[in-house]
Amino acid sequence: MLVRTFASAVFGISASTIRVEVQVSEGIGYFLVGLPDNAIRESQQRIVAALSSLDYRWPGKRVVINLAPADVRKEGSAYDLPLAVGILGANEKLKTDDFEHFVLMGELSLDGGLQPVTGVLPMAMQAKQEGFEGIIIPMVNAREAAVVEGLDVYGMNSLAEVISFFSGQRPEPVRIDVKAEFQRQYNPFEPDFQDVKGQENVKRALEVAVAGGHNVLMVGPPGRGENHAGPAAGRDHAPLSMQEALETTRIHSVAGKLGANATLITRRPFRSPHHTISDIALVGGGSVPKPGEISLAHNGILFLDELPEFKRAVLEVLRQPLEERIIHISRARYAIQYPASFMLVASMNPCPCGFFQSSG
């Protein structure tokens, strides 16, 4: 029997729908095709254990699974759930016509529990765009996806709950009040210019720079407050618009920087990497591509303290993103781009001892 379920693959900060085709027929063997990575290939052992914990048995037949389109590489353990549901359906242990209406994503524990995944927000946005009725994801990711209006988001704690869902026992979808979330996430304990004593010229310059989105370099001896003035500049930024909040949250979702039960990022990001950071960590990329610090600072501030201590190669890669407000990453296996519209604030001492032309 052939059954189709639907999953989602994140590439850059966008997602594309993946069709999971599962066929159970006479014979022996397990075949998983469609450019899966090692994490997906290992899913069989997790699925076998999860099904066993629910008193289901792995089909004693020939199981063929195709992840379509087959020429797009799929990565991560979040495909466990659509694979498991597809196997149950193809083995006639779960009978329903609703598979085609939902996108499913989630990593399975050996006891059948669902573990959180990354990139849920772009997945939900793509599901809505393609006309799916809803998305089924781990409960801890549900509030993140629920900011997408017009899409039913179902948070599940286990494979057993998903089976009950397709058997007709549907819970209420997760709903959130986006406006209330904007107010709830306000933090009165963020650094503020009121905490910087004196330095009126510096504070005025930073206020003007923040208003116009200009980059700033602060030069002065140690102990003059630049380490506090830089973070405090983020407080003077205008609030994020809804579009900016969605864009910023998508980046942090793909990077796996959102905590459990997180929703929208409603405050402009402030990123302050250590001076030992590598150029790859700053711009993004890697064997499994992830956004770097300049993309995590999108719509916010990138603060580089002790600027001369950063490696020259790291500072050189900032040139193009500062001009184009986007970063293009080209590797042998992929070519992607991430948004990188940030305000650069840097501080440094005037000399190695820190007190050149200073009376302090």
Protein backbone atom coordinates (compact mmCIF):
# COMPACT_ATOMS: atom_id res chain seq x y z
CA MET A 1 0.00 0.00 0.00
CA LEU A 2 1.25 3.49 -0.85
CA VAL A 3 0.74 6.42 1.54
CA ARG A 4 1.92 10.03 1.28
CA THR A 5 2.65 12.34 4.18
CA PHE A 6 4.17 15.81 4.02
CA ALA A 7 7.18 17.34 5.71
CA SER A 8 9.25 20.49 5.22
CA ALA A 9 12.91 21.24 4.49
CA VAL A 10 14.53 24.52 5.48
CA PHE A 11 17.09 26.03 3.12
CA GLY A 12 18.50 29.39 4.17
CA ILE A 13 15.57 31.00 6.00
CA SER A 14 12.94 29.63 3.63
CA ALA A 15 11.23 26.24 3.59
CA SER A 16 10.03 23.93 0.87
CA THR A 17 7.51 21.12 1.18
CA ILE A 18 8.78 17.54 1.05
CA ARG A 19 6.51 14.69 0.00
CA VAL A 20 7.18 11.51 1.98
CA GLU A 21 6.05 8.49 -0.07
CA VAL A 22 5.87 5.23 1.88
CA GLN A 23 5.15 1.89 0.23
CA VAL A 24 4.77 -1.37 2.14
CA SER A 25 4.63 -4.44 -0.11
CA GLU A 26 5.44 -8.14 -0.14
CA GLY A 27 9.09 -8.93 0.41
CA ILE A 28 11.86 -8.10 2.85
CA GLY A 29 14.01 -4.99 3.25
CA TYR A 30 14.06 -1.32 4.12
CA PHE A 31 14.98 1.29 1.52
CA LEU A 32 15.16 5.04 2.17
CA VAL A 33 15.90 7.19 -0.89
CA GLY A 34 15.73 10.86 -1.83
CA LEU A 35 19.10 12.26 -0.61
CA PRO A 36 18.63 11.76 3.15
CA ASP A 37 21.52 12.57 5.48
CA ASN A 38 22.82 10.30 8.26
CA ALA A 39 20.35 11.63 10.84
CA ILE A 40 17.43 10.60 8.60
CA ARG A 41 18.96 7.21 7.80
CA GLU A 42 19.25 6.52 11.53
CA SER A 43 15.53 7.26 11.97
CA GLN A 44 14.61 3.60 11.45
CA GLN A 45 15.96 2.61 14.86
CA ARG A 46 14.11 5.46 16.60
CA ILE A 47 10.89 4.63 14.78
CA VAL A 48 11.14 0.90 15.58
CA ALA A 49 11.59 1.66 19.28
CA ALA A 50 8.82 4.29 19.33
CA LEU A 51 6.34 1.96 17.61
CA SER A 52 7.28 -0.85 19.94
CA SER A 53 6.57 1.33 22.98
CA LEU A 54 3.03 1.82 21.61
CA ASP A 55 2.53 -1.92 20.92
CA TYR A 56 2.94 -1.53 17.16
CA ARG A 57 5.35 -3.71 15.23
CA TRP A 58 7.62 -2.77 12.35
CA PRO A 59 6.11 -4.15 9.10
CA GLY A 60 7.59 -7.57 8.37
CA LYS A 61 7.55 -6.67 4.69
CA ARG A 62 9.40 -4.62 2.10
CA VAL A 63 9.36 -0.91 3.08
CA VAL A 64 10.37 1.69 0.49
CA ILE A 65 10.39 5.39 1.43
CA ASN A 66 11.04 8.18 -1.06
CA LEU A 67 11.62 11.79 -0.01
CA ALA A 68 10.49 13.87 -2.96
CA PRO A 69 11.73 15.89 -4.73
CA ALA A 70 14.57 13.40 -4.78
CA ASP A 71 17.20 15.89 -5.98
CA VAL A 72 16.92 18.12 -2.87
CA ARG A 73 19.12 17.14 0.07
CA LYS A 74 17.23 16.54 3.33
CA GLU A 75 18.90 16.98 6.70
CA GLY A 76 18.03 16.52 10.37
CA SER A 77 16.03 14.24 12.63
CA ALA A 78 12.75 16.15 12.27
CA TYR A 79 11.56 13.71 9.58
CA ASP A 80 10.98 10.96 12.19
CA LEU A 81 7.32 11.86 12.65
CA PRO A 82 6.19 11.94 8.98
CA LEU A 83 8.13 8.71 8.35
CA ALA A 84 6.52 6.94 11.32
CA VAL A 85 2.99 8.10 10.44
CA GLY A 86 3.55 7.11 6.82
CA ILE A 87 4.69 3.62 7.83
CA LEU A 88 1.64 3.15 10.05
CA GLY A 89 -0.63 4.27 7.22
CA ALA A 90 1.04 2.13 4.57
CA ASN A 91 0.88 -0.89 6.90
CA GLU A 92 -2.87 -0.23 7.36
CA LYS A 93 -2.53 0.37 11.10
CA LEU A 94 -3.76 3.94 10.68
CA LYS A 95 -6.53 4.58 8.19
CA THR A 96 -7.31 8.16 7.24
CA ASP A 97 -7.56 10.46 4.25
CA ASP A 98 -6.28 13.47 6.16
CA PHE A 99 -2.53 12.98 5.68
CA GLU A 100 -2.47 15.28 2.66
CA HIS A 101 -3.94 18.20 4.65
CA PHE A 102 -1.15 18.50 7.22
CA VAL A 103 2.60 19.03 7.42
CA LEU A 104 4.26 16.88 10.09
CA MET A 105 7.66 17.48 11.70
CA GLY A 106 9.22 16.14 14.89
CA GLU A 107 12.04 14.02 16.27
CA LEU A 108 11.02 10.82 18.04
CA SER A 109 12.36 9.59 21.36
CA LEU A 110 12.64 5.86 21.93
CA ASP A 111 9.54 5.99 24.13
CA GLY A 112 7.50 7.73 21.42
CA GLY A 113 7.85 11.26 22.78
CA LEU A 114 8.35 14.22 20.45
CA GLN A 115 11.50 16.32 20.74
CA PRO A 116 11.72 19.96 19.56
CA VAL A 117 13.02 20.87 16.12
CA THR A 118 14.44 24.04 14.55
CA GLY A 119 13.09 26.18 11.72
CA VAL A 120 9.40 25.74 12.64
CA LEU A 121 8.35 29.29 11.74
CA PRO A 122 9.46 29.17 8.06
CA MET A 123 7.89 25.71 7.84
CA ALA A 124 4.56 27.06 9.07
CA MET A 125 4.72 30.04 6.72
CA GLN A 126 5.37 27.74 3.75
CA ALA A 127 2.56 25.39 4.80
CA LYS A 128 0.11 28.27 4.85
CA GLN A 129 1.34 29.53 1.48
CA GLU A 130 0.79 26.11 -0.10
CA GLY A 131 -2.73 25.79 1.29
CA PHE A 132 -2.30 23.12 3.97
CA GLU A 133 -4.98 22.99 6.64
CA GLY A 134 -2.50 22.77 9.50
CA ILE A 135 0.88 21.71 10.82
CA ILE A 136 1.62 19.09 13.50
CA ILE A 137 4.78 19.71 15.50
CA PRO A 138 6.19 19.15 19.01
CA MET A 139 4.35 21.04 21.71
CA VAL A 140 7.38 23.14 22.70
CA ASN A 141 7.48 24.55 19.14
CA ALA A 142 3.76 25.23 18.85
CA ARG A 143 3.70 28.84 20.08
CA GLU A 144 6.44 29.76 17.62
CA ALA A 145 4.41 28.49 14.65
CA ALA A 146 1.12 29.88 15.98
CA VAL A 147 2.08 33.45 15.01
CA VAL A 148 1.19 32.47 11.42
CA GLU A 149 -2.44 33.45 10.96
CA GLY A 150 -4.75 31.29 8.89
CA LEU A 151 -2.99 28.01 9.75
CA ASP A 152 -4.07 25.53 12.43
CA VAL A 153 -1.08 24.63 14.60
CA TYR A 154 -1.31 21.43 16.65
CA GLY A 155 1.30 20.86 19.34
CA MET A 156 1.82 17.21 20.27
CA ASN A 157 3.83 15.60 23.05
CA SER A 158 4.07 12.09 21.63
CA LEU A 159 3.48 9.84 18.65
CA ALA A 160 0.48 8.40 20.51
CA GLU A 161 -1.21 11.81 20.43
CA VAL A 162 -0.57 12.10 16.68
CA ILE A 163 -2.12 8.68 16.12
CA SER A 164 -5.16 9.74 18.14
CA PHE A 165 -5.35 12.94 16.08
CA PHE A 166 -5.60 11.03 12.80
CA SER A 167 -8.05 8.62 14.43
CA GLY A 168 -10.47 11.50 14.93
CA GLN A 169 -9.61 12.79 18.42
CA ARG A 170 -8.53 16.31 17.55
CA PRO A 171 -7.56 18.83 20.22
CA GLU A 172 -8.00 22.56 19.82
CA PRO A 173 -5.24 24.22 17.77
CA VAL A 174 -2.76 26.45 19.58
CA ARG A 175 -3.69 30.15 19.47
CA ILE A 176 -1.75 33.19 20.64
CA ASP A 177 -2.46 36.91 20.82
CA VAL A 178 0.37 38.50 18.88
CA LYS A 179 -0.29 42.00 20.25
CA ALA A 180 -0.20 40.70 23.81
CA GLU A 181 3.08 38.93 23.07
CA PHE A 182 4.63 42.23 21.99
CA GLN A 183 3.75 43.77 25.34
CA ARG A 184 4.61 40.73 27.44
CA GLN A 185 8.15 40.45 26.14
CA TYR A 186 9.12 43.99 27.12
CA ASN A 187 12.13 43.85 29.47
CA PRO A 188 12.56 46.85 31.82
CA PHE A 189 15.97 45.60 32.94
CA GLU A 190 17.75 46.09 29.61
CA PRO A 191 20.78 48.46 29.62
CA ASP A 192 19.75 52.11 29.30
CA PHE A 193 21.53 55.44 28.74
CA GLN A 194 20.27 56.49 32.18
CA ASP A 195 22.74 53.99 33.64
CA VAL A 196 25.70 55.76 31.95
CA LYS A 197 26.86 58.65 34.12
CA GLY A 198 28.25 61.59 32.18
CA GLN A 199 29.48 61.09 28.60
CA GLU A 200 26.68 63.26 27.23
CA ASN A 201 28.44 63.74 23.87
CA VAL A 202 28.78 59.97 23.45
CA LYS A 203 25.15 59.33 24.33
CA ARG A 204 23.97 62.07 21.98
CA ALA A 205 26.10 60.68 19.15
CA LEU A 206 24.71 57.18 19.70
CA GLU A 207 21.13 58.50 19.74
CA VAL A 208 21.68 60.20 16.37
CA ALA A 209 23.39 57.10 14.97
CA VAL A 210 20.56 54.82 16.07
CA ALA A 211 17.95 57.17 14.61
CA GLY A 212 19.68 57.15 11.23
CA GLY A 213 21.04 53.60 11.26
CA HIS A 214 24.65 54.79 11.08
CA ASN A 215 27.61 52.66 12.12
CA VAL A 216 29.65 53.87 15.10
CA LEU A 217 33.24 53.47 16.31
CA MET A 218 33.94 54.54 19.91
CA VAL A 219 37.59 55.19 20.81
CA GLY A 220 38.70 55.87 24.36
CA PRO A 221 40.69 54.65 27.35
CA PRO A 222 39.45 51.81 29.58
CA GLY A 223 36.73 52.51 32.12
CA ARG A 224 34.99 55.32 30.27
CA GLY A 225 31.71 53.49 29.72
CA GLU A 226 31.85 52.39 26.08
CA ASN A 227 31.17 48.78 27.11
CA HIS A 228 27.87 49.89 28.62
CA ALA A 229 27.00 52.63 26.15
CA GLY A 230 27.12 50.20 23.22
CA PRO A 231 24.49 47.78 24.64
CA ALA A 232 22.40 50.72 25.87
CA ALA A 233 22.13 52.00 22.28
CA GLY A 234 19.87 49.05 21.52
CA ARG A 235 17.25 50.42 23.91
CA ASP A 236 16.88 53.58 21.79
CA HIS A 237 15.92 51.67 18.65
CA ALA A 238 12.39 52.03 17.33
CA PRO A 239 10.19 48.99 18.09
CA LEU A 240 10.16 46.21 15.53
CA SER A 241 7.33 46.20 13.04
CA MET A 242 5.36 42.99 12.56
CA GLN A 243 7.21 42.23 9.32
CA GLU A 244 10.59 42.85 10.95
CA ALA A 245 9.63 40.67 13.93
CA LEU A 246 8.65 37.79 11.66
CA GLU A 247 11.85 38.11 9.63
CA THR A 248 14.02 38.26 12.75
CA THR A 249 12.24 35.32 14.35
CA ARG A 250 12.68 33.23 11.20
CA ILE A 251 16.44 33.71 11.34
CA HIS A 252 16.68 32.78 15.02
CA SER A 253 14.34 29.82 14.47
CA VAL A 254 16.54 28.39 11.73
CA ALA A 255 19.62 28.95 13.89
CA GLY A 256 18.01 27.13 16.82
CA LYS A 257 18.30 30.19 19.08
CA LEU A 258 14.67 30.30 20.20
CA GLY A 259 13.92 28.82 23.60
CA ALA A 260 11.13 26.40 24.46
CA ASN A 261 7.61 27.83 24.03
CA ALA A 262 9.03 30.95 22.35
CA THR A 263 6.89 33.07 20.05
CA LEU A 264 7.91 36.26 18.27
CA ILE A 265 11.13 38.15 18.87
CA THR A 266 9.77 41.60 19.63
CA ARG A 267 12.98 43.39 20.67
CA ARG A 268 15.70 44.29 18.25
CA PRO A 269 18.60 41.82 18.49
CA PHE A 270 21.86 42.79 20.16
CA ARG A 271 24.77 40.48 19.38
CA SER A 272 28.20 40.85 20.97
CA PRO A 273 30.53 38.05 19.79
CA HIS A 274 33.89 37.44 21.47
CA HIS A 275 36.96 38.67 19.62
CA THR A 276 38.14 35.07 19.04
CA ILE A 277 35.17 34.40 16.71
CA SER A 278 35.95 32.84 13.32
CA ASP A 279 34.90 34.30 10.00
CA ILE A 280 32.51 31.35 9.39
CA ALA A 281 30.80 31.89 12.75
CA LEU A 282 30.39 35.57 11.92
CA VAL A 283 28.97 35.28 8.39
CA GLY A 284 27.33 31.85 8.66
CA GLY A 285 27.66 28.62 6.72
CA GLY A 286 29.29 25.39 7.87
CA SER A 287 28.75 21.78 6.80
CA VAL A 288 25.12 22.18 7.86
CA PRO A 289 24.45 25.83 6.91
CA LYS A 290 23.32 28.09 9.75
CA PRO A 291 23.03 31.89 10.04
CA GLY A 292 26.05 33.65 11.54
CA GLU A 293 26.26 36.51 14.01
CA ILE A 294 25.70 39.20 11.37
CA SER A 295 22.40 37.56 10.40
CA LEU A 296 21.39 37.01 14.01
CA ALA A 297 21.92 40.78 14.42
CA HIS A 298 19.58 41.51 11.49
CA ASN A 299 17.28 44.47 12.31
CA GLY A 300 19.42 45.15 15.38
CA ILE A 301 22.97 45.88 16.55
CA LEU A 302 26.23 44.00 16.11
CA PHE A 303 28.59 45.15 18.88
CA LEU A 304 32.32 44.43 18.47
CA ASP A 305 34.15 45.23 21.68
CA GLU A 306 37.96 45.59 21.54
CA LEU A 307 37.86 45.88 17.75
CA PRO A 308 41.65 45.57 17.10
CA GLU A 309 41.66 42.18 18.84
CA PHE A 310 39.49 40.64 16.10
CA LYS A 311 41.32 38.76 13.37
CA ARG A 312 41.83 40.68 10.15
CA ALA A 313 40.04 37.96 8.12
CA VAL A 314 36.99 38.34 10.37
CA LEU A 315 36.82 42.12 9.91
CA GLU A 316 37.37 41.86 6.15
CA VAL A 317 34.24 39.74 5.65
CA LEU A 318 32.11 42.59 7.04
CA ARG A 319 32.69 44.81 4.02
CA GLN A 320 30.14 43.41 1.59
CA PRO A 321 27.33 42.74 4.11
CA LEU A 322 27.64 46.32 5.41
CA GLU A 323 27.09 47.61 1.88
CA GLU A 324 24.53 45.15 0.51
CA ARG A 325 22.68 44.30 3.76
CA ILE A 326 22.72 40.65 2.74
CA ILE A 327 25.29 37.86 2.91
CA HIS A 328 25.84 35.41 0.06
CA ILE A 329 27.42 32.09 1.05
CA SER A 330 28.63 29.81 -1.73
CA ARG A 331 30.07 26.36 -1.02
CA ALA A 332 30.58 23.21 -3.06
CA ARG A 333 27.29 21.72 -1.84
CA TYR A 334 25.10 24.79 -1.56
CA ALA A 335 24.67 28.49 -2.32
CA ILE A 336 22.40 30.42 0.03
CA GLN A 337 21.86 33.94 1.27
CA TYR A 338 20.88 35.36 4.65
CA PRO A 339 19.63 38.86 5.53
CA ALA A 340 22.27 41.00 7.27
CA SER A 341 20.85 44.49 7.76
CA PHE A 342 22.45 45.48 11.05
CA MET A 343 23.95 48.52 12.72
CA LEU A 344 27.64 48.05 13.55
CA VAL A 345 28.80 49.50 16.87
CA ALA A 346 32.47 48.96 17.75
CA SER A 347 34.71 50.13 20.55
CA MET A 348 38.48 50.16 20.96
CA ASN A 349 41.32 51.64 22.98
CA PRO A 350 43.54 54.21 21.24
CA CYS A 351 46.73 52.16 21.83
CA PRO A 352 47.90 48.87 23.41
CA CYS A 353 48.17 50.42 26.88
CA GLY A 354 44.83 52.16 26.37
CA PHE A 355 45.77 55.63 27.61
CA PHE A 356 47.25 57.43 24.58
CA GLN A 357 46.57 61.20 24.78
CA SER A 358 44.54 60.62 27.91
CA SER A 359 44.92 62.29 31.28
CA GLY A 360 43.27 59.31 33.01
